[in-house]
């Protein structure tokens, strides 16, 4: 009898592993995706930072602790992950004149999107508005099932998101 008892933990481990389907990428994950628009004219200005705040009830404490909030912006037909920084060269010399960073921050029920510039934003030709897409994931895949969160198309395919 003692000999068969030592196999019980192995049996339960095998049973638990069999119950886990590693190909089921969504599992209990709730995923929300929605568009927002950053409008420069409506943005708050604090020195070289233009920002807009959004009330987002889908960003729960559980998302803040265990999930992810991803923001992508659309430029020339491509969704690009934020944060994103680019430099603008001087017309007269091949030197970077200034940099622009598109970024974001979040907390429970709150999302802030911003432009941060290395020069006065009033002196920089920024687009009047930027289309963005927010993806909220309440838990993330790990290990070999992990996805490249920088690639919106990969995230869209993985979670079956609509445009």
C-alpha atoms as a PDB file:
ATOM      1  CA  UNK A   1       0.000   0.000   0.000  1.00  0.00           C
ATOM      2  CA  UNK A   2       2.818   2.450   0.842  1.00  0.00           C
ATOM      3  CA  UNK A   3       4.358   1.921  -2.566  1.00  0.00           C
ATOM      4  CA  UNK A   4       1.174   3.010  -4.392  1.00  0.00           C
ATOM      5  CA  UNK A   5       0.780   6.119  -2.194  1.00  0.00           C
ATOM      6  CA  UNK A   6       3.927   7.688  -3.570  1.00  0.00           C
ATOM      7  CA  UNK A   7       2.358   7.784  -7.033  1.00  0.00           C
ATOM      8  CA  UNK A   8      -0.610   9.888  -5.890  1.00  0.00           C
ATOM      9  CA  UNK A   9       1.236  13.244  -6.195  1.00  0.00           C
ATOM     10  CA  UNK A  10       2.424  12.240  -9.672  1.00  0.00           C
ATOM     11  CA  UNK A  11      -1.134  11.289 -10.617  1.00  0.00           C
ATOM     12  CA  UNK A  12      -2.502  14.674  -9.469  1.00  0.00           C
ATOM     13  CA  UNK A  13       0.285  16.550 -11.254  1.00  0.00           C
ATOM     14  CA  UNK A  14      -0.477  14.662 -14.476  1.00  0.00           C
ATOM     15  CA  UNK A  15      -4.188  15.348 -14.034  1.00  0.00           C
ATOM     16  CA  UNK A  16      -3.583  19.086 -13.564  1.00  0.00           C
ATOM     17  CA  UNK A  17      -1.288  19.280 -16.597  1.00  0.00           C
ATOM     18  CA  UNK A  18      -3.812  17.387 -18.727  1.00  0.00           C
ATOM     19  CA  UNK A  19      -6.510  19.864 -17.711  1.00  0.00           C
ATOM     20  CA  UNK A  20      -4.367  22.786 -18.907  1.00  0.00           C
ATOM     21  CA  UNK A  21      -4.642  23.340 -22.632  1.00  0.00           C
ATOM     22  CA  UNK A  22      -1.561  25.328 -23.637  1.00  0.00           C
ATOM     23  CA  UNK A  23      -3.050  26.062 -27.042  1.00  0.00           C
ATOM     24  CA  UNK A  24      -5.975  27.920 -25.434  1.00  0.00           C
ATOM     25  CA  UNK A  25      -4.463  31.393 -25.518  1.00  0.00           C
ATOM     26  CA  UNK A  26      -7.483  33.265 -24.230  1.00  0.00           C
ATOM     27  CA  UNK A  27      -8.338  31.082 -21.224  1.00  0.00           C
ATOM     28  CA  UNK A  28     -10.050  33.355 -18.719  1.00  0.00           C
ATOM     29  CA  UNK A  29      -8.494  36.485 -20.191  1.00  0.00           C
ATOM     30  CA  UNK A  30     -10.865  39.325 -20.894  1.00  0.00           C
ATOM     31  CA  UNK A  31      -9.666  41.564 -23.690  1.00  0.00           C
ATOM     32  CA  UNK A  32     -11.094  44.948 -24.598  1.00  0.00           C
ATOM     33  CA  UNK A  33     -10.116  47.001 -27.623  1.00  0.00           C
ATOM     34  CA  UNK A  34     -11.420  50.410 -28.597  1.00  0.00           C
ATOM     35  CA  UNK A  35     -10.329  53.489 -30.555  1.00  0.00           C
ATOM     36  CA  UNK A  36      -9.495  56.894 -29.100  1.00  0.00           C
ATOM     37  CA  UNK A  37      -8.384  60.097 -30.735  1.00  0.00           C
ATOM     38  CA  UNK A  38      -5.704  62.401 -29.377  1.00  0.00           C
ATOM     39  CA  UNK A  39      -6.582  65.990 -30.321  1.00  0.00           C
ATOM     40  CA  UNK A  40      -3.742  68.491 -29.944  1.00  0.00           C
ATOM     41  CA  UNK A  41      -6.198  71.414 -29.610  1.00  0.00           C
ATOM     42  CA  UNK A  42      -7.999  69.691 -26.698  1.00  0.00           C
ATOM     43  CA  UNK A  43      -4.799  68.609 -24.923  1.00  0.00           C
ATOM     44  CA  UNK A  44      -3.595  70.041 -21.626  1.00  0.00           C
ATOM     45  CA  UNK A  45      -0.182  71.707 -21.813  1.00  0.00           C
ATOM     46  CA  UNK A  46       2.502  71.469 -19.139  1.00  0.00           C
ATOM     47  CA  UNK A  47       5.791  72.899 -20.450  1.00  0.00           C
ATOM     48  CA  UNK A  48       6.806  70.594 -23.330  1.00  0.00           C
ATOM     49  CA  UNK A  49       4.131  67.977 -22.677  1.00  0.00           C
ATOM     50  CA  UNK A  50       0.696  67.877 -24.305  1.00  0.00           C
ATOM     51  CA  UNK A  51      -1.619  65.333 -22.659  1.00  0.00           C
ATOM     52  CA  UNK A  52      -5.183  64.091 -22.704  1.00  0.00           C
ATOM     53  CA  UNK A  53      -6.857  62.072 -19.968  1.00  0.00           C
ATOM     54  CA  UNK A  54      -9.480  59.405 -20.561  1.00  0.00           C
ATOM     55  CA  UNK A  55     -11.832  57.699 -18.115  1.00  0.00           C
ATOM     56  CA  UNK A  56     -11.500  53.956 -18.852  1.00  0.00           C
ATOM     57  CA  UNK A  57     -13.593  51.758 -16.506  1.00  0.00           C
ATOM     58  CA  UNK A  58     -12.150  48.588 -18.101  1.00  0.00           C
ATOM     59  CA  UNK A  59      -8.779  49.303 -16.434  1.00  0.00           C
ATOM     60  CA  UNK A  60      -9.550  47.511 -13.175  1.00  0.00           C
ATOM     61  CA  UNK A  61      -7.196  46.959 -10.225  1.00  0.00           C
ATOM     62  CA  UNK A  62      -6.694  43.394 -11.528  1.00  0.00           C
ATOM     63  CA  UNK A  63      -5.549  44.741 -14.915  1.00  0.00           C
ATOM     64  CA  UNK A  64      -3.126  47.123 -13.179  1.00  0.00           C
ATOM     65  CA  UNK A  65      -1.665  44.256 -11.086  1.00  0.00           C
ATOM     66  CA  UNK A  66      -1.691  41.333 -13.535  1.00  0.00           C
ATOM     67  CA  UNK A  67      -2.631  42.495 -17.003  1.00  0.00           C
ATOM     68  CA  UNK A  68      -1.606  45.016 -19.609  1.00  0.00           C
ATOM     69  CA  UNK A  69      -2.776  48.231 -21.178  1.00  0.00           C
ATOM     70  CA  UNK A  70      -1.399  48.681 -24.680  1.00  0.00           C
ATOM     71  CA  UNK A  71      -1.745  51.752 -26.872  1.00  0.00           C
ATOM     72  CA  UNK A  72      -0.958  51.935 -30.583  1.00  0.00           C
ATOM     73  CA  UNK A  73      -1.098  54.921 -32.912  1.00  0.00           C
ATOM     74  CA  UNK A  74      -1.809  54.855 -36.626  1.00  0.00           C
ATOM     75  CA  UNK A  75       0.589  56.509 -39.006  1.00  0.00           C
ATOM     76  CA  UNK A  76       0.707  55.976 -42.762  1.00  0.00           C
ATOM     77  CA  UNK A  77      -1.634  52.971 -42.498  1.00  0.00           C
ATOM     78  CA  UNK A  78       0.430  51.126 -39.859  1.00  0.00           C
ATOM     79  CA  UNK A  79      -0.318  50.622 -36.151  1.00  0.00           C
ATOM     80  CA  UNK A  80       2.790  51.381 -34.079  1.00  0.00           C
ATOM     81  CA  UNK A  81       3.229  50.515 -30.388  1.00  0.00           C
ATOM     82  CA  UNK A  82       3.712  53.306 -27.891  1.00  0.00           C
ATOM     83  CA  UNK A  83       5.857  54.651 -26.386  1.00  0.00           C
ATOM     84  CA  UNK A  84       7.491  55.811 -29.592  1.00  0.00           C
ATOM     85  CA  UNK A  85      10.165  58.464 -30.053  1.00  0.00           C
ATOM     86  CA  UNK A  86      11.333  60.054 -33.275  1.00  0.00           C
ATOM     87  CA  UNK A  87      13.834  62.761 -34.115  1.00  0.00           C
ATOM     88  CA  UNK A  88      13.353  65.541 -36.646  1.00  0.00           C
ATOM     89  CA  UNK A  89      16.454  66.701 -38.470  1.00  0.00           C
ATOM     90  CA  UNK A  90      17.356  70.297 -39.135  1.00  0.00           C
ATOM     91  CA  UNK A  91      16.784  71.478 -42.687  1.00  0.00           C
ATOM     92  CA  UNK A  92      20.231  73.051 -42.924  1.00  0.00           C
ATOM     93  CA  UNK A  93      22.355  70.370 -41.168  1.00  0.00           C
ATOM     94  CA  UNK A  94      22.120  66.604 -40.717  1.00  0.00           C
ATOM     95  CA  UNK A  95      21.545  66.950 -36.964  1.00  0.00           C
ATOM     96  CA  UNK A  96      18.496  66.155 -34.874  1.00  0.00           C
ATOM     97  CA  UNK A  97      16.730  69.450 -34.252  1.00  0.00           C
ATOM     98  CA  UNK A  98      14.219  68.076 -31.736  1.00  0.00           C
ATOM     99  CA  UNK A  99      12.584  64.835 -30.603  1.00  0.00           C
ATOM    100  CA  UNK A 100       8.947  63.911 -30.104  1.00  0.00           C
ATOM    101  CA  UNK A 101       7.753  61.062 -27.874  1.00  0.00           C
ATOM    102  CA  UNK A 102       4.244  59.633 -27.973  1.00  0.00           C
ATOM    103  CA  UNK A 103       3.575  57.874 -24.687  1.00  0.00           C
ATOM    104  CA  UNK A 104       0.960  56.907 -22.162  1.00  0.00           C
ATOM    105  CA  UNK A 105       0.411  56.113 -18.515  1.00  0.00           C
ATOM    106  CA  UNK A 106      -2.442  54.356 -16.760  1.00  0.00           C
ATOM    107  CA  UNK A 107      -3.906  53.517 -13.399  1.00  0.00           C
ATOM    108  CA  UNK A 108      -7.232  52.135 -12.247  1.00  0.00           C
ATOM    109  CA  UNK A 109      -9.990  53.551 -14.524  1.00  0.00           C
ATOM    110  CA  UNK A 110      -7.563  56.114 -15.943  1.00  0.00           C
ATOM    111  CA  UNK A 111      -5.506  56.502 -19.132  1.00  0.00           C
ATOM    112  CA  UNK A 112      -3.339  59.477 -20.041  1.00  0.00           C
ATOM    113  CA  UNK A 113      -1.864  59.850 -23.519  1.00  0.00           C
ATOM    114  CA  UNK A 114       0.822  62.421 -24.225  1.00  0.00           C
ATOM    115  CA  UNK A 115       3.211  64.067 -26.652  1.00  0.00           C
ATOM    116  CA  UNK A 116       6.503  65.042 -25.020  1.00  0.00           C
ATOM    117  CA  UNK A 117       8.764  67.254 -27.112  1.00  0.00           C
ATOM    118  CA  UNK A 118      12.334  68.451 -26.628  1.00  0.00           C
ATOM    119  CA  UNK A 119      11.313  71.919 -27.857  1.00  0.00           C
ATOM    120  CA  UNK A 120       8.268  74.086 -27.332  1.00  0.00           C
ATOM    121  CA  UNK A 121       5.358  72.125 -28.861  1.00  0.00           C
ATOM    122  CA  UNK A 122       3.967  75.350 -30.347  1.00  0.00           C
ATOM    123  CA  UNK A 123       7.084  75.498 -32.543  1.00  0.00           C
ATOM    124  CA  UNK A 124       6.739  71.923 -33.788  1.00  0.00           C
ATOM    125  CA  UNK A 125       4.429  70.866 -36.623  1.00  0.00           C
ATOM    126  CA  UNK A 126       2.397  68.168 -34.833  1.00  0.00           C
ATOM    127  CA  UNK A 127      -0.630  66.566 -36.475  1.00  0.00           C
ATOM    128  CA  UNK A 128      -3.918  68.077 -35.267  1.00  0.00           C
ATOM    129  CA  UNK A 129      -5.156  64.622 -34.209  1.00  0.00           C
ATOM    130  CA  UNK A 130      -3.865  61.074 -34.011  1.00  0.00           C
ATOM    131  CA  UNK A 131      -5.993  57.926 -34.175  1.00  0.00           C
ATOM    132  CA  UNK A 132      -5.074  55.447 -31.471  1.00  0.00           C
ATOM    133  CA  UNK A 133      -6.202  52.011 -30.416  1.00  0.00           C
ATOM    134  CA  UNK A 134      -6.269  50.869 -26.779  1.00  0.00           C
ATOM    135  CA  UNK A 135      -6.047  47.164 -25.908  1.00  0.00           C
ATOM    136  CA  UNK A 136      -6.712  46.092 -22.321  1.00  0.00           C
ATOM    137  CA  UNK A 137      -5.823  42.554 -21.258  1.00  0.00           C
ATOM    138  CA  UNK A 138      -6.699  41.351 -17.763  1.00  0.00           C
ATOM    139  CA  UNK A 139      -3.985  38.672 -17.739  1.00  0.00           C
ATOM    140  CA  UNK A 140      -1.025  37.911 -19.962  1.00  0.00           C
ATOM    141  CA  UNK A 141       0.146  34.669 -21.565  1.00  0.00           C
ATOM    142  CA  UNK A 142       3.544  33.544 -20.356  1.00  0.00           C
ATOM    143  CA  UNK A 143       6.284  31.224 -21.541  1.00  0.00           C
ATOM    144  CA  UNK A 144       6.109  29.764 -24.996  1.00  0.00           C
ATOM    145  CA  UNK A 145       2.621  31.191 -25.524  1.00  0.00           C
ATOM    146  CA  UNK A 146       3.787  34.790 -25.074  1.00  0.00           C
ATOM    147  CA  UNK A 147       3.109  37.197 -27.942  1.00  0.00           C
ATOM    148  CA  UNK A 148       4.914  40.263 -29.233  1.00  0.00           C
ATOM    149  CA  UNK A 149       2.873  43.035 -27.622  1.00  0.00           C
ATOM    150  CA  UNK A 150       4.629  45.661 -29.740  1.00  0.00           C
ATOM    151  CA  UNK A 151       2.950  44.274 -32.873  1.00  0.00           C
ATOM    152  CA  UNK A 152      -0.722  45.305 -32.995  1.00  0.00           C
ATOM    153  CA  UNK A 153      -1.475  42.857 -35.821  1.00  0.00           C
ATOM    154  CA  UNK A 154      -0.060  39.972 -33.704  1.00  0.00           C
ATOM    155  CA  UNK A 155      -2.130  41.059 -30.682  1.00  0.00           C
ATOM    156  CA  UNK A 156      -5.209  41.401 -32.897  1.00  0.00           C
ATOM    157  CA  UNK A 157      -4.767  37.889 -34.327  1.00  0.00           C
ATOM    158  CA  UNK A 158      -3.955  36.301 -30.956  1.00  0.00           C
ATOM    159  CA  UNK A 159      -7.018  37.712 -29.183  1.00  0.00           C
ATOM    160  CA  UNK A 160      -9.336  37.764 -32.225  1.00  0.00           C
ATOM    161  CA  UNK A 161      -9.898  41.543 -32.051  1.00  0.00           C
ATOM    162  CA  UNK A 162     -11.964  43.404 -34.616  1.00  0.00           C
ATOM    163  CA  UNK A 163     -10.869  46.677 -36.185  1.00  0.00           C
END
